[in-house]
Amino acid sequence: MDINERLAVVTGAGSGIGRALACRLVDAGARFVVCTDIDEDAARETANLIGAKASAEVLDVTDQTAIEDLVKRVESTYGGIDLLVSNAGYALGGGLKLDTDQWRDMMEVHLWAHLNAARAVIP
């Protein structure tokens, strides 16, 4: 995939794999990376690591309206989104002993958020 001069949005960019991907995209030639995370300080830290080719945005990936609003802002500010890295995720220990609501919350992030992001970006 040609990353050169592409605009990328990375969810869960505040730490771990998301942070590494955001940094690597710029190294691979992306013209700009929007680093999103539910943790504003973490998203900003990643953007600061990258420098002038990145910005930070707070994003709760379980909120469809927030995703749609982010896409509109990014497109109006930077142009069309070329690459969406739907990376946000988290894990809780406990397996089958976890409360059902905790499982639902994880499924919102690990399943529905990716579908919602694709629906907002692809058109």
Protein backbone atom coordinates (compact mmCIF):
# COMPACT_ATOMS: atom_id res chain seq x y z
CA MET A 1 0.00 0.00 0.00
CA ASP A 2 1.29 3.42 -0.93
CA ILE A 3 1.31 5.60 2.20
CA ASN A 4 3.16 8.49 0.57
CA GLU A 5 1.28 11.80 0.89
CA ARG A 6 -1.80 10.09 2.36
CA LEU A 7 -4.01 11.41 5.16
CA ALA A 8 -4.51 8.85 7.92
CA VAL A 9 -6.74 8.64 10.97
CA VAL A 10 -5.69 6.25 13.72
CA THR A 11 -8.08 5.31 16.54
CA GLY A 12 -6.55 4.27 19.83
CA ALA A 13 -3.41 6.21 18.94
CA GLY A 14 -2.74 7.23 22.54
CA SER A 15 -0.62 4.20 23.36
CA GLY A 16 0.66 0.81 22.33
CA ILE A 17 0.06 -0.42 18.81
CA GLY A 18 -1.96 2.68 17.87
CA ARG A 19 0.87 5.01 18.87
CA ALA A 20 3.41 2.89 17.02
CA LEU A 21 1.22 2.82 13.89
CA ALA A 22 0.67 6.58 13.92
CA CYS A 23 4.41 7.21 14.18
CA ARG A 24 5.23 4.62 11.54
CA LEU A 25 2.72 6.07 9.07
CA VAL A 26 4.56 9.39 9.11
CA ASP A 27 7.90 7.58 8.76
CA ALA A 28 6.42 5.80 5.72
CA GLY A 29 5.52 9.11 4.08
CA ALA A 30 2.00 10.00 5.22
CA ARG A 31 1.41 13.70 4.78
CA PHE A 32 -0.63 13.91 8.00
CA VAL A 33 -1.94 11.65 10.78
CA VAL A 34 -4.90 12.42 13.00
CA CYS A 35 -4.26 10.66 16.31
CA THR A 36 -7.48 9.84 18.13
CA ASP A 37 -8.03 8.37 21.55
CA ILE A 38 -10.60 8.55 24.32
CA ASP A 39 -7.73 9.87 26.48
CA GLU A 40 -7.05 13.40 25.24
CA ASP A 41 -3.65 13.69 26.93
CA ALA A 42 -2.47 10.40 25.43
CA ALA A 43 -3.61 11.40 21.92
CA ARG A 44 -1.85 14.73 22.29
CA GLU A 45 1.33 13.01 23.49
CA THR A 46 1.38 10.84 20.37
CA ALA A 47 0.77 13.83 18.11
CA ASN A 48 3.57 15.71 19.87
CA LEU A 49 5.93 12.78 19.31
CA ILE A 50 5.19 13.00 15.59
CA GLY A 51 5.34 16.77 15.34
CA ALA A 52 3.92 19.07 12.66
CA LYS A 53 2.48 16.21 10.61
CA ALA A 54 -0.02 15.18 13.29
CA SER A 55 -2.92 16.41 15.35
CA ALA A 56 -4.78 14.98 18.32
CA GLU A 57 -8.52 14.46 18.67
CA VAL A 58 -10.56 13.01 21.50
CA LEU A 59 -12.76 10.22 20.19
CA ASP A 60 -15.03 7.72 21.90
CA VAL A 61 -15.26 5.07 19.18
CA THR A 62 -18.51 3.75 20.64
CA ASP A 63 -20.24 7.04 19.82
CA GLN A 64 -21.43 6.98 16.20
CA THR A 65 -22.19 10.71 16.16
CA ALA A 66 -18.72 11.51 17.51
CA ILE A 67 -17.16 9.42 14.73
CA GLU A 68 -19.26 11.16 12.07
CA ASP A 69 -18.40 14.58 13.50
CA LEU A 70 -14.69 13.72 13.55
CA VAL A 71 -14.80 12.62 9.90
CA LYS A 72 -16.50 15.88 8.89
CA ARG A 73 -13.95 17.98 10.82
CA VAL A 74 -10.98 16.08 9.41
CA GLU A 75 -12.28 16.26 5.85
CA SER A 76 -13.02 19.98 6.07
CA THR A 77 -9.64 20.74 7.67
CA TYR A 78 -7.24 18.34 5.92
CA GLY A 79 -9.14 16.85 2.97
CA GLY A 80 -10.39 13.36 2.29
CA ILE A 81 -9.30 10.51 4.54
CA ASP A 82 -7.13 8.07 2.62
CA LEU A 83 -6.45 5.58 5.40
CA LEU A 84 -8.44 4.65 8.49
CA VAL A 85 -6.63 2.53 11.06
CA SER A 86 -9.44 1.34 13.31
CA ASN A 87 -7.21 0.21 16.13
CA ALA A 88 -8.95 1.21 19.38
CA GLY A 89 -9.37 -1.60 21.85
CA TYR A 90 -8.85 -2.74 25.41
CA ALA A 91 -9.03 -5.90 27.47
CA LEU A 92 -10.32 -6.85 30.87
CA GLY A 93 -9.25 -9.97 32.69
CA GLY A 94 -11.77 -12.34 34.15
CA GLY A 95 -13.00 -14.35 31.20
CA LEU A 96 -16.43 -15.84 31.74
CA LYS A 97 -16.58 -14.34 35.22
CA LEU A 98 -16.74 -10.79 33.81
CA ASP A 99 -20.05 -9.03 34.20
CA THR A 100 -22.21 -9.08 31.05
CA ASP A 101 -22.15 -5.28 30.87
CA GLN A 102 -18.35 -5.35 30.79
CA TRP A 103 -18.49 -7.81 27.88
CA ARG A 104 -20.99 -5.55 26.09
CA ASP A 105 -18.74 -2.53 26.57
CA MET A 106 -15.78 -4.42 25.08
CA MET A 107 -17.90 -5.59 22.14
CA GLU A 108 -18.93 -1.99 21.46
CA VAL A 109 -15.25 -1.10 21.06
CA HIS A 110 -14.01 -4.31 19.45
CA LEU A 111 -16.84 -4.89 16.98
CA TRP A 112 -19.35 -2.11 16.47
CA ALA A 113 -16.82 0.75 16.57
CA HIS A 114 -15.06 -0.65 13.50
CA LEU A 115 -18.29 -0.93 11.56
CA ASN A 116 -19.39 2.55 12.61
CA ALA A 117 -16.03 4.05 11.62
CA ALA A 118 -16.12 2.35 8.21
CA ARG A 119 -19.66 3.62 7.63
CA ALA A 120 -18.53 7.17 8.39
CA VAL A 121 -15.30 7.16 6.38
CA ILE A 122 -15.93 5.06 3.28
CA PRO A 123 -18.73 7.12 1.68
